[in-house]
């Protein structure tokens, strides 16, 4: 699937993606990420309309799933 995706991109984009991925690996980020069962810290982030949303308020309503989208490469 990755090869198919990358075959449709310009080589410079693929190279940038690989470089940034390697930089993330070398940064040790995987040792610092939350693991299954870990509790995330409380946070406030803007929603799709720009309104601030607090995780504690959402958790009061039930379980919370958070998705993060990376911006432009």
Protein backbone atom coordinates (compact mmCIF):
# COMPACT_ATOMS: atom_id res chain seq x y z
CA UNK A 1 0.00 0.00 0.00
CA UNK A 2 2.84 2.39 0.88
CA UNK A 3 4.68 1.67 -2.38
CA UNK A 4 1.49 2.26 -4.37
CA UNK A 5 0.90 5.57 -2.58
CA UNK A 6 4.49 6.72 -2.99
CA UNK A 7 4.57 5.79 -6.69
CA UNK A 8 1.99 8.51 -7.33
CA UNK A 9 4.04 11.26 -5.67
CA UNK A 10 6.95 13.32 -6.97
CA UNK A 11 10.31 11.91 -5.78
CA UNK A 12 11.13 15.05 -3.78
CA UNK A 13 7.93 14.62 -1.74
CA UNK A 14 8.72 10.96 -1.05
CA UNK A 15 12.27 11.87 -0.04
CA UNK A 16 10.97 14.55 2.34
CA UNK A 17 8.50 12.12 3.89
CA UNK A 18 11.24 9.53 4.43
CA UNK A 19 13.63 12.14 5.85
CA UNK A 20 11.07 13.48 8.33
CA UNK A 21 10.07 9.96 9.36
CA UNK A 22 13.71 9.08 10.03
CA UNK A 23 14.17 12.30 12.04
CA UNK A 24 11.19 11.37 14.19
CA UNK A 25 12.57 7.87 14.78
CA UNK A 26 16.00 9.25 15.68
CA UNK A 27 14.43 11.77 18.09
CA UNK A 28 13.37 8.94 20.41
CA UNK A 29 9.74 9.96 20.17
CA UNK A 30 8.51 6.37 20.37
CA UNK A 31 9.91 6.03 23.88
CA UNK A 32 7.88 9.07 24.98
CA UNK A 33 4.48 8.34 23.44
CA UNK A 34 1.53 7.28 25.56
CA UNK A 35 1.00 3.54 25.68
CA UNK A 36 -2.24 1.59 25.90
CA UNK A 37 -3.76 2.24 29.30
CA UNK A 38 -1.79 5.45 29.94
CA UNK A 39 -3.78 8.50 30.95
CA UNK A 40 -3.38 11.50 28.68
CA UNK A 41 -2.79 14.90 30.28
CA UNK A 42 -5.69 17.34 30.33
CA UNK A 43 -5.64 19.71 27.36
CA UNK A 44 -7.59 22.39 25.52
CA UNK A 45 -7.52 22.57 21.73
CA UNK A 46 -9.49 24.43 19.06
CA UNK A 47 -12.18 22.47 17.28
CA UNK A 48 -12.93 22.66 13.55
CA UNK A 49 -14.67 26.02 14.10
CA UNK A 50 -11.84 27.48 16.16
CA UNK A 51 -13.73 27.20 19.47
CA UNK A 52 -11.65 25.95 22.38
CA UNK A 53 -12.64 22.53 23.70
CA UNK A 54 -11.41 21.17 27.03
CA UNK A 55 -10.71 17.45 27.39
CA UNK A 56 -12.07 17.39 30.95
CA UNK A 57 -15.43 18.72 29.74
CA UNK A 58 -15.58 16.05 27.05
CA UNK A 59 -14.59 13.28 29.46
CA UNK A 60 -17.48 14.29 31.71
CA UNK A 61 -19.76 13.28 28.83
CA UNK A 62 -18.16 9.83 28.37
CA UNK A 63 -15.13 8.17 26.75
CA UNK A 64 -12.98 10.36 24.54
CA UNK A 65 -11.22 9.56 21.27
CA UNK A 66 -8.76 12.14 19.94
CA UNK A 67 -7.44 12.21 16.36
CA UNK A 68 -4.53 14.36 15.28
CA UNK A 69 -4.00 15.34 11.66
CA UNK A 70 -0.62 16.39 10.44
CA UNK A 71 -0.60 19.56 8.37
CA UNK A 72 1.29 20.10 5.17
CA UNK A 73 4.60 18.31 4.75
